[in-house]
Amino acid sequence: MAKARSQFVCQSCGTVHTRWAGKCDGCGEWNTLVEEGTTSGGIGGGPSGLRSARKGRPVALTTLSGEIEEAPRIVSGIGELDRATGGGFVRGSALLVGGDPGIGKSTLLTQAAAALAGKGHRVVYVSGEEAVAQIRLRAQRLGADTAPVELAAETNVEDILATIADGRRPDLLILDSIQTLWTDMADSAPGTVTQVRACAQAMIRHAKSTGTAVVLVGHVTKEGQIAGPRVVEHMVDGVLYFEGEGGHHYRILRTVKNRFGPTDEIGVFEMSDRGLREVPNPSELFLGERSAAAPGAAVFAGIEGTRPVLVEIQALVAPAPPGSPRRAVVGWDSARLSMVLAVLEAHCGVRFSQHDVYLNVAGGYRIAEPAADLAVAAALVSSLTGLALPVDCVYFGEISLSGAIRPVAHAQQRLKEAEKLGFSQAVMPASGDDKSVQGARRAFQPATLSDLVARIAGSRARDAAD
């Protein structure tokens, strides 16, 4: 009999330690080591002393040139979901979907399962967190209870694989969630690093060998990352994050990894009592409650993957009491805000040291690209001076530490989206490509941030002259 021994596994990165320590040597996190029992043979076989080295066999080598086959996809018919996945579920692929509790992951996957089952595909939905009756209640609320989706409430991987082996091969297998599964090949409790890694490996191996598209649902930590070892994200073919704020009805399905399509793609949904509804034009959603005459608001023309998105950036600059002024940011990088404030003070003479600064991205949307620098700077100067920006103008551009405005990619796509929504002006970086300004009838291209500040401040003199 194999001798049992203990090992300590980091719950953040999966590094194995022979003894407990306060700090993980792999990722540097504190108090993440958990004791797990194992055998000397490990997950993959018997005791290591009884193993014999297997002689390797040569594999065929090929060249870079040759025929390229498109990945076979299963189109769900839900346009925003198909956009995020790159055109549909790829047969034989593994997809990991993460999100906060109650954000709508199970709702979205139930709607996708019903849509695919209605087209004649065999869809199996296995839940480790809910009973079959709970899934049926959700399906009735969504109006999808008549779809021929096969349900099961099971957590053992071996039982799941034996169940789906009967009958026709499933086209789509949904496992909700990966943290509740366990396998006989590991001795630790469900949800631990060893179990999550072993279960994910078993399901991915099944997907590659049978051609079934597997969707794994993952819990997230307090930091917003998918719980469990990060190696699971490296093992799967795609990682999707389902994002949203509790006070807003919209949800964003964001692609952070996709081996069969573009990354940083988004799909936008709106939560209702009948489930998730697609939002084909998210710019209208984020600009729906915009105030035209209020200072401190600038419309940013951004890019998410291949989709242009217009969103309002709101700034409030208020006098601060003596001491350290406050800096509060919602939906943007706080370090990026500090940099823009420093550039405005150092190169433009705009002082914020005696003011509190509050920045918000309307609708709870989150911006990651540096092209929002120009829109943020315009909103800050507008709020400080009390001058409202033109209602039909969009802003985009990156600000360097020297105060120069640097060009950004996809300028023409941003301008086309702005023109479609009725924006006729644009403040954007200067570039050598004249075609990039064809989407706006009037484009102001400042070379430095000082030019933009002078233009906003000059609007007061123009208003007084009129």
Protein backbone atom coordinates (compact mmCIF):
# COMPACT_ATOMS: atom_id res chain seq x y z
CA MET A 1 0.00 0.00 0.00
CA ALA A 2 1.28 3.45 -0.89
CA LYS A 3 2.41 5.47 2.09
CA ALA A 4 0.29 8.52 2.75
CA ARG A 5 2.05 11.81 3.25
CA SER A 6 1.09 15.44 3.62
CA GLN A 7 1.95 18.34 1.43
CA PHE A 8 1.06 22.02 1.52
CA VAL A 9 -0.39 23.55 -1.63
CA CYS A 10 -0.76 27.30 -2.28
CA GLN A 11 -4.40 28.14 -2.94
CA SER A 12 -3.35 31.09 -5.12
CA CYS A 13 -0.79 29.65 -7.53
CA GLY A 14 -0.73 25.89 -6.82
CA THR A 15 2.92 25.68 -5.71
CA VAL A 16 3.56 22.53 -3.64
CA HIS A 17 5.58 22.83 -0.41
CA THR A 18 6.87 20.00 1.75
CA ARG A 19 6.13 21.92 4.96
CA TRP A 20 3.97 24.82 6.02
CA ALA A 21 5.25 28.38 5.70
CA GLY A 22 3.58 31.73 6.15
CA LYS A 23 4.61 32.95 2.69
CA CYS A 24 4.38 31.05 -0.60
CA ASP A 25 7.70 30.76 -2.43
CA GLY A 26 5.96 30.74 -5.80
CA CYS A 27 3.74 33.83 -5.77
CA GLY A 28 4.73 35.59 -2.57
CA GLU A 29 1.21 35.54 -1.08
CA TRP A 30 0.79 35.17 2.68
CA ASN A 31 -1.30 32.54 4.51
CA THR A 32 -2.34 30.67 1.36
CA LEU A 33 -0.79 27.25 2.11
CA VAL A 34 -3.29 24.50 2.90
CA GLU A 35 -2.40 20.98 3.92
CA GLU A 36 -3.55 18.24 1.56
CA GLY A 37 -3.09 14.51 1.86
CA THR A 38 -1.70 12.50 -1.02
CA THR A 39 0.06 9.27 -1.81
CA SER A 40 3.59 8.78 -3.04
CA GLY A 41 2.24 7.80 -6.43
CA GLY A 42 0.41 11.08 -7.05
CA ILE A 43 -2.70 11.49 -9.18
CA GLY A 44 -1.47 9.87 -12.31
CA GLY A 45 -0.45 6.38 -11.20
CA GLY A 46 0.90 4.05 -8.54
CA PRO A 47 3.83 4.46 -6.20
CA SER A 48 6.80 6.11 -7.77
CA GLY A 49 9.12 3.28 -6.70
CA LEU A 50 7.16 0.79 -8.83
CA ARG A 51 7.18 2.88 -11.99
CA SER A 52 9.39 2.01 -14.91
CA ALA A 53 10.59 4.54 -17.41
CA ARG A 54 8.64 4.33 -20.68
CA LYS A 55 10.65 4.51 -23.84
CA GLY A 56 9.59 7.47 -25.94
CA ARG A 57 8.27 7.12 -29.47
CA PRO A 58 9.07 9.53 -32.30
CA VAL A 59 6.35 11.90 -33.48
CA ALA A 60 5.84 13.22 -36.99
CA LEU A 61 7.22 16.69 -37.72
CA THR A 62 5.69 19.02 -40.27
CA THR A 63 6.20 22.51 -41.69
CA LEU A 64 4.52 25.86 -41.16
CA SER A 65 2.99 25.84 -44.63
CA GLY A 66 -0.02 23.72 -45.45
CA GLU A 67 -3.79 23.65 -45.49
CA ILE A 68 -5.57 25.51 -42.70
CA GLU A 69 -8.95 24.30 -41.51
CA GLU A 70 -11.37 26.63 -39.79
CA ALA A 71 -12.32 25.55 -36.29
CA PRO A 72 -15.80 23.95 -36.41
CA ARG A 73 -18.17 26.08 -34.36
CA ILE A 74 -21.59 25.72 -32.79
CA VAL A 75 -23.47 28.99 -33.20
CA SER A 76 -25.87 29.62 -30.32
CA GLY A 77 -27.89 32.34 -32.03
CA ILE A 78 -27.33 34.73 -29.07
CA GLY A 79 -25.40 37.41 -30.93
CA GLU A 80 -23.55 38.93 -27.98
CA LEU A 81 -22.46 35.52 -26.70
CA ASP A 82 -21.28 34.46 -30.14
CA ARG A 83 -19.35 37.73 -30.46
CA ALA A 84 -17.55 37.16 -27.15
CA THR A 85 -16.62 33.58 -28.04
CA GLY A 86 -15.37 34.59 -31.48
CA GLY A 87 -18.26 33.19 -33.53
CA GLY A 88 -19.68 30.38 -31.40
CA PHE A 89 -18.54 27.44 -29.31
CA VAL A 90 -15.66 25.52 -30.89
CA ARG A 91 -16.06 21.76 -30.93
CA GLY A 92 -13.53 20.05 -28.68
CA SER A 93 -12.70 23.23 -26.80
CA ALA A 94 -12.88 24.08 -23.10
CA LEU A 95 -14.25 27.45 -21.98
CA LEU A 96 -14.00 28.90 -18.48
CA VAL A 97 -16.68 31.43 -17.42
CA GLY A 98 -16.22 33.42 -14.21
CA GLY A 99 -18.18 36.09 -12.41
CA ASP A 100 -19.52 37.30 -9.07
CA PRO A 101 -22.29 35.33 -7.36
CA GLY A 102 -25.71 36.25 -8.70
CA ILE A 103 -24.33 38.14 -11.70
CA GLY A 104 -26.17 35.90 -14.19
CA LYS A 105 -23.71 33.17 -15.24
CA SER A 106 -26.22 30.35 -14.82
CA THR A 107 -28.93 32.43 -16.47
CA LEU A 108 -26.79 33.08 -19.54
CA LEU A 109 -25.72 29.45 -19.86
CA THR A 110 -29.29 28.23 -19.41
CA GLN A 111 -30.44 30.51 -22.24
CA ALA A 112 -27.53 29.34 -24.42
CA ALA A 113 -28.28 25.69 -23.65
CA ALA A 114 -31.95 26.14 -24.55
CA ALA A 115 -31.08 27.96 -27.78
CA LEU A 116 -28.68 25.21 -28.91
CA ALA A 117 -31.00 22.39 -27.86
CA GLY A 118 -33.78 24.00 -29.88
CA LYS A 119 -31.57 23.72 -32.97
CA GLY A 120 -31.17 19.96 -32.57
CA HIS A 121 -27.88 19.86 -30.66
CA ARG A 122 -27.49 17.56 -27.69
CA VAL A 123 -26.81 19.76 -24.65
CA VAL A 124 -26.06 18.39 -21.17
CA TYR A 125 -26.24 20.73 -18.16
CA VAL A 126 -24.63 19.33 -14.99
CA SER A 127 -24.97 21.37 -11.81
CA GLY A 128 -23.03 20.75 -8.62
CA GLU A 129 -24.59 23.64 -6.72
CA GLU A 130 -28.31 23.41 -7.51
CA ALA A 131 -30.86 20.65 -7.60
CA VAL A 132 -32.67 19.77 -10.81
CA ALA A 133 -35.85 21.41 -9.47
CA GLN A 134 -34.03 24.73 -9.05
CA ILE A 135 -32.76 24.61 -12.62
CA ARG A 136 -36.27 23.87 -13.85
CA LEU A 137 -37.62 26.88 -11.97
CA ARG A 138 -35.06 29.11 -13.65
CA ALA A 139 -35.89 27.63 -17.04
CA GLN A 140 -39.60 28.33 -16.48
CA ARG A 141 -38.86 31.95 -15.56
CA LEU A 142 -36.78 32.32 -18.72
CA GLY A 143 -39.41 30.63 -20.90
CA ALA A 144 -36.95 27.88 -21.85
CA ASP A 145 -38.53 24.94 -20.02
CA THR A 146 -39.69 23.31 -23.27
CA ALA A 147 -36.15 23.04 -24.70
CA PRO A 148 -34.80 19.45 -24.77
CA VAL A 149 -31.84 20.15 -22.44
CA GLU A 150 -30.62 17.14 -20.44
CA LEU A 151 -30.13 17.96 -16.74
CA ALA A 152 -28.22 16.31 -13.92
CA ALA A 153 -27.12 17.22 -10.41
CA GLU A 154 -23.79 15.49 -9.84
CA THR A 155 -20.30 16.39 -8.59
CA ASN A 156 -18.23 13.24 -9.22
CA VAL A 157 -16.21 13.49 -12.44
CA GLU A 158 -16.16 9.75 -13.10
CA ASP A 159 -19.96 9.55 -12.78
CA ILE A 160 -20.40 12.52 -15.12
CA LEU A 161 -18.15 11.00 -17.77
CA ALA A 162 -19.96 7.65 -17.52
CA THR A 163 -23.33 9.38 -17.85
CA ILE A 164 -22.54 11.37 -21.00
CA ALA A 165 -20.90 8.32 -22.60
CA ASP A 166 -24.35 6.79 -23.09
CA GLY A 167 -26.12 7.70 -26.29
CA ARG A 168 -25.13 10.33 -28.81
CA ARG A 169 -22.07 12.44 -28.09
CA PRO A 170 -23.07 15.79 -26.49
CA ASP A 171 -22.37 18.85 -28.57
CA LEU A 172 -22.16 21.06 -25.48
CA LEU A 173 -21.47 20.11 -21.85
CA ILE A 174 -21.96 22.75 -19.13
CA LEU A 175 -20.47 22.14 -15.66
CA ASP A 176 -21.62 24.52 -12.93
CA SER A 177 -19.23 24.86 -11.22
CA ILE A 178 -15.67 23.51 -11.38
CA GLN A 179 -15.11 24.21 -7.66
CA THR A 180 -17.82 21.70 -6.67
CA LEU A 181 -16.44 18.77 -8.70
CA TRP A 182 -14.25 16.03 -7.26
CA THR A 183 -12.49 13.01 -8.66
CA ASP A 184 -11.46 9.68 -7.17
CA MET A 185 -7.91 10.29 -8.37
CA ALA A 186 -7.32 12.96 -5.69
CA ASP A 187 -7.76 12.60 -1.95
CA SER A 188 -8.33 16.27 -1.07
CA ALA A 189 -11.66 18.01 -0.53
CA PRO A 190 -13.65 19.58 -3.40
CA GLY A 191 -12.60 23.13 -4.18
CA THR A 192 -8.95 22.67 -3.27
CA VAL A 193 -6.18 23.27 -5.76
CA THR A 194 -5.53 19.57 -6.31
CA GLN A 195 -9.19 18.73 -6.97
CA VAL A 196 -9.84 21.72 -9.22
CA ARG A 197 -6.74 21.01 -11.31
CA ALA A 198 -7.47 17.27 -11.57
CA CYS A 199 -11.15 17.76 -12.46
CA ALA A 200 -10.38 20.42 -15.04
CA GLN A 201 -7.72 18.23 -16.60
CA ALA A 202 -10.12 15.28 -16.83
CA MET A 203 -12.87 17.34 -18.48
CA ILE A 204 -10.47 19.03 -20.91
CA ARG A 205 -9.07 15.64 -21.90
CA HIS A 206 -12.62 14.44 -22.56
CA ALA A 207 -13.35 17.51 -24.70
CA LYS A 208 -10.25 17.03 -26.84
CA SER A 209 -10.84 13.31 -27.34
CA THR A 210 -14.57 13.42 -28.16
CA GLY A 211 -15.08 16.83 -29.78
CA THR A 212 -17.57 17.99 -27.16
CA ALA A 213 -17.48 21.69 -26.30
CA VAL A 214 -17.12 21.97 -22.51
CA VAL A 215 -18.04 25.10 -20.53
CA LEU A 216 -16.70 25.31 -16.97
CA VAL A 217 -18.19 27.83 -14.55
CA GLY A 218 -15.74 29.23 -12.00
CA HIS A 219 -16.19 31.18 -8.79
CA VAL A 220 -14.29 34.43 -8.32
CA THR A 221 -12.31 35.75 -5.38
CA LYS A 222 -12.77 39.08 -3.60
CA GLU A 223 -10.22 40.55 -6.00
CA GLY A 224 -12.39 39.55 -8.98
CA GLN A 225 -10.10 36.74 -10.20
CA ILE A 226 -11.33 33.21 -10.89
CA ALA A 227 -10.75 31.15 -7.76
CA GLY A 228 -8.43 28.17 -7.77
CA PRO A 229 -5.04 27.68 -9.39
CA ARG A 230 -4.18 29.99 -12.26
CA VAL A 231 -2.97 26.95 -14.18
CA VAL A 232 -6.63 26.16 -14.99
CA GLU A 233 -6.84 29.40 -16.99
CA HIS A 234 -3.77 28.28 -18.93
CA MET A 235 -5.24 24.83 -19.60
CA VAL A 236 -8.53 25.98 -21.12
CA ASP A 237 -8.95 27.46 -24.61
CA GLY A 238 -10.90 30.54 -23.55
CA VAL A 239 -11.63 32.57 -20.42
CA LEU A 240 -14.70 34.81 -20.15
CA TYR A 241 -15.53 37.15 -17.27
CA PHE A 242 -19.14 38.10 -16.62
CA GLU A 243 -19.08 41.60 -15.14
CA GLY A 244 -21.66 44.02 -13.83
CA GLU A 245 -22.61 46.28 -10.96
CA GLY A 246 -25.40 45.48 -8.54
CA GLY A 247 -27.07 48.85 -9.06
CA HIS A 248 -27.17 48.58 -12.86
CA HIS A 249 -29.18 46.32 -15.13
CA TYR A 250 -26.49 45.78 -17.74
CA ARG A 251 -23.96 42.92 -17.80
CA ILE A 252 -20.75 42.66 -19.80
CA LEU A 253 -19.28 39.35 -20.98
CA ARG A 254 -15.58 40.12 -21.45
CA THR A 255 -13.11 37.85 -23.25
CA VAL A 256 -9.67 37.82 -21.64
CA LYS A 257 -8.35 34.72 -23.45
CA ASN A 258 -9.44 33.05 -26.67
CA ARG A 259 -7.35 30.68 -28.75
CA PHE A 260 -9.91 30.74 -31.56
CA GLY A 261 -10.78 34.44 -31.76
CA PRO A 262 -9.90 37.98 -30.68
CA THR A 263 -9.28 38.85 -27.05
CA ASP A 264 -10.69 41.87 -25.21
CA GLU A 265 -13.99 41.36 -27.03
CA ILE A 266 -17.18 42.15 -25.13
CA GLY A 267 -20.81 41.18 -25.29
CA VAL A 268 -23.36 43.46 -23.61
CA PHE A 269 -26.58 42.21 -21.99
CA GLU A 270 -29.35 43.78 -19.96
CA MET A 271 -30.85 41.87 -17.05
CA SER A 272 -34.64 41.72 -16.92
CA ASP A 273 -37.30 39.58 -15.27
CA ARG A 274 -37.27 37.37 -18.37
CA GLY A 275 -33.53 36.80 -18.30
CA LEU A 276 -30.70 38.45 -20.20
CA ARG A 277 -31.54 40.60 -23.22
CA GLU A 278 -28.96 41.45 -25.88
CA VAL A 279 -27.83 45.06 -26.28
CA PRO A 280 -26.64 45.36 -29.91
CA ASN A 281 -25.70 49.05 -29.52
CA PRO A 282 -24.08 49.54 -26.08
CA SER A 283 -23.16 53.18 -26.83
CA GLU A 284 -26.82 54.19 -26.63
CA LEU A 285 -27.10 52.36 -23.31
CA PHE A 286 -24.16 54.17 -21.70
CA LEU A 287 -25.21 57.57 -23.08
CA GLY A 288 -28.92 57.19 -22.40
CA GLU A 289 -29.10 59.44 -19.29
CA ARG A 290 -26.54 62.03 -20.33
CA SER A 291 -26.88 65.63 -19.18
CA ALA A 292 -25.91 67.99 -21.96
CA ALA A 293 -25.41 71.27 -20.10
CA ALA A 294 -23.54 70.02 -17.02
CA PRO A 295 -19.80 70.77 -16.78
CA GLY A 296 -17.35 67.98 -16.05
CA ALA A 297 -18.73 65.47 -18.57
CA ALA A 298 -16.84 64.26 -21.65
CA VAL A 299 -17.77 61.48 -24.09
CA PHE A 300 -14.98 59.01 -24.68
CA ALA A 301 -14.84 56.99 -27.91
CA GLY A 302 -13.29 53.69 -26.88
CA ILE A 303 -12.59 50.31 -28.44
CA GLU A 304 -13.40 46.95 -26.84
CA GLY A 305 -11.92 44.21 -28.97
CA THR A 306 -13.35 44.93 -32.42
CA ARG A 307 -16.30 47.01 -31.19
CA PRO A 308 -16.29 50.81 -30.74
CA VAL A 309 -18.07 51.95 -27.58
CA LEU A 310 -19.00 55.50 -26.57
CA VAL A 311 -19.22 56.16 -22.84
CA GLU A 312 -19.51 59.29 -20.71
CA ILE A 313 -16.72 60.17 -18.26
CA GLN A 314 -17.84 62.38 -15.37
CA ALA A 315 -15.53 64.46 -13.19
CA LEU A 316 -16.21 66.57 -10.12
CA VAL A 317 -13.58 68.96 -8.78
CA ALA A 318 -14.55 70.55 -5.46
CA PRO A 319 -12.63 72.70 -2.98
CA ALA A 320 -10.96 70.57 -0.34
CA PRO A 321 -10.50 71.35 3.36
CA PRO A 322 -6.92 71.93 4.54
CA GLY A 323 -4.92 68.75 4.43
CA SER A 324 -4.65 66.00 1.87
CA PRO A 325 -7.25 66.27 -0.92
CA ARG A 326 -9.26 63.19 -1.84
CA ARG A 327 -8.94 61.26 -5.09
CA ALA A 328 -11.80 58.83 -5.79
CA VAL A 329 -12.12 56.83 -9.02
CA VAL A 330 -14.87 54.48 -10.21
CA GLY A 331 -14.37 52.57 -13.46
CA TRP A 332 -10.83 53.72 -14.26
CA ASP A 333 -7.27 53.26 -13.03
CA SER A 334 -6.52 55.49 -10.03
CA ALA A 335 -2.80 55.58 -10.87
CA ARG A 336 -3.67 56.80 -14.35
CA LEU A 337 -5.75 59.62 -12.84
CA SER A 338 -2.82 60.68 -10.66
CA MET A 339 -0.62 60.84 -13.75
CA VAL A 340 -3.10 63.02 -15.68
CA LEU A 341 -3.43 65.37 -12.71
CA ALA A 342 0.35 65.66 -12.44
CA VAL A 343 0.70 66.47 -16.15
CA LEU A 344 -2.04 69.12 -15.92
CA GLU A 345 -0.28 70.79 -12.99
CA ALA A 346 3.29 70.52 -14.34
CA HIS A 347 2.76 71.46 -17.99
CA CYS A 348 -0.57 73.30 -18.12
CA GLY A 349 -0.57 75.27 -14.89
CA VAL A 350 -3.92 73.82 -13.77
CA ARG A 351 -3.80 73.37 -9.99
CA PHE A 352 -5.67 70.55 -8.26
CA SER A 353 -3.66 70.46 -5.02
CA GLN A 354 -6.39 72.31 -3.10
CA HIS A 355 -9.31 70.39 -4.63
CA ASP A 356 -10.95 67.01 -4.16
CA VAL A 357 -11.21 65.07 -7.43
CA TYR A 358 -13.92 62.50 -8.12
CA LEU A 359 -14.00 60.56 -11.39
CA ASN A 360 -16.73 58.22 -12.54
CA VAL A 361 -17.42 56.25 -15.71
CA ALA A 362 -21.15 56.44 -16.35
CA GLY A 363 -23.20 53.26 -16.17
CA GLY A 364 -20.65 51.40 -14.07
CA TYR A 365 -18.57 50.68 -17.17
CA ARG A 366 -14.85 49.94 -16.72
CA ILE A 367 -12.19 51.40 -19.01
CA ALA A 368 -8.73 49.88 -19.34
CA GLU A 369 -7.20 51.49 -22.43
CA PRO A 370 -4.96 54.60 -22.11
CA ALA A 371 -6.85 56.33 -24.93
CA ALA A 372 -9.23 57.69 -22.28
CA ASP A 373 -6.56 60.10 -20.99
CA LEU A 374 -7.73 62.98 -23.18
CA ALA A 375 -11.39 62.58 -22.23
CA VAL A 376 -10.47 62.46 -18.53
CA ALA A 377 -8.34 65.60 -18.82
CA ALA A 378 -11.14 67.43 -20.64
CA ALA A 379 -13.69 66.45 -17.99
CA LEU A 380 -11.37 67.57 -15.17
CA VAL A 381 -10.67 70.97 -16.71
CA SER A 382 -14.36 71.43 -17.52
CA SER A 383 -15.38 70.73 -13.92
CA LEU A 384 -12.68 72.99 -12.47
CA THR A 385 -13.57 75.94 -14.72
CA GLY A 386 -17.33 75.32 -14.66
CA LEU A 387 -17.48 75.34 -18.47
CA ALA A 388 -19.59 72.69 -20.17
CA LEU A 389 -17.98 70.87 -23.08
CA PRO A 390 -19.66 70.78 -26.52
CA VAL A 391 -22.49 68.28 -26.49
CA ASP A 392 -21.65 66.88 -29.95
CA CYS A 393 -17.93 66.24 -29.32
CA VAL A 394 -16.03 63.05 -28.51
CA TYR A 395 -12.52 62.74 -27.03
CA PHE A 396 -9.80 60.11 -27.29
CA GLY A 397 -6.02 60.15 -27.09
CA GLU A 398 -3.14 59.12 -24.85
CA ILE A 399 -1.25 61.69 -22.77
CA SER A 400 2.50 61.32 -22.26
CA LEU A 401 4.42 62.59 -19.23
CA SER A 402 5.76 65.44 -21.33
CA GLY A 403 2.24 66.68 -22.04
CA ALA A 404 2.22 65.54 -25.66
CA ILE A 405 -0.87 63.86 -27.14
CA ARG A 406 0.02 60.47 -28.59
CA PRO A 407 -1.97 58.76 -31.35
CA VAL A 408 -4.06 55.66 -30.61
CA ALA A 409 -5.23 52.79 -32.78
CA HIS A 410 -8.57 52.43 -34.59
CA ALA A 411 -9.24 56.17 -34.86
CA GLN A 412 -11.47 55.76 -37.91
CA GLN A 413 -13.66 53.16 -36.20
CA ARG A 414 -14.12 55.43 -33.20
CA LEU A 415 -15.14 58.35 -35.41
CA LYS A 416 -17.60 56.25 -37.42
CA GLU A 417 -19.35 55.15 -34.23
CA ALA A 418 -19.48 58.76 -33.03
CA GLU A 419 -20.92 59.99 -36.31
CA LYS A 420 -23.55 57.26 -36.24
CA LEU A 421 -24.78 58.56 -32.88
CA GLY A 422 -24.88 62.20 -33.99
CA PHE A 423 -21.48 63.50 -32.82
CA SER A 424 -20.01 65.92 -35.34
CA GLN A 425 -16.86 67.06 -33.48
CA ALA A 426 -13.83 65.17 -32.24
CA VAL A 427 -10.78 66.04 -30.17
CA MET A 428 -8.13 63.51 -31.10
CA PRO A 429 -4.37 63.16 -31.57
CA ALA A 430 -2.72 64.38 -34.74
CA SER A 431 -1.55 61.60 -37.06
CA GLY A 432 -0.05 61.31 -40.50
CA ASP A 433 -3.08 59.42 -41.80
CA ASP A 434 -5.60 61.88 -43.22
CA LYS A 435 -8.21 59.14 -43.60
CA SER A 436 -8.57 58.88 -39.82
CA VAL A 437 -10.35 62.26 -39.60
CA GLN A 438 -12.91 61.60 -42.31
CA GLY A 439 -15.46 60.37 -39.77
CA ALA A 440 -15.81 63.79 -38.11
CA ARG A 441 -16.86 66.96 -39.91
CA ARG A 442 -14.86 69.03 -37.41
CA ALA A 443 -11.76 67.54 -35.79
CA PHE A 444 -9.46 69.38 -33.39
CA GLN A 445 -6.04 67.73 -33.15
CA PRO A 446 -4.01 69.27 -30.31
CA ALA A 447 -0.28 68.58 -30.25
CA THR A 448 -0.01 69.03 -26.49
CA LEU A 449 -2.37 69.00 -23.55
CA SER A 450 -1.88 72.75 -23.16
CA ASP A 451 -3.64 73.27 -26.49
CA LEU A 452 -6.73 71.47 -25.21
CA VAL A 453 -6.74 73.44 -21.93
CA ALA A 454 -6.44 76.71 -23.88
CA ARG A 455 -9.34 75.67 -26.14
CA ILE A 456 -11.62 74.88 -23.18
CA ALA A 457 -10.67 78.09 -21.37
CA GLY A 458 -11.12 80.09 -24.58
CA SER A 459 -14.72 78.96 -24.84
CA ARG A 460 -15.63 81.36 -22.00
CA ALA A 461 -14.19 84.29 -23.95
CA ARG A 462 -16.07 83.21 -27.07
CA ASP A 463 -19.33 82.93 -25.11
CA ALA A 464 -18.80 86.40 -23.66
CA ALA A 465 -18.13 87.85 -27.13
CA ASP A 466 -21.31 86.28 -28.47
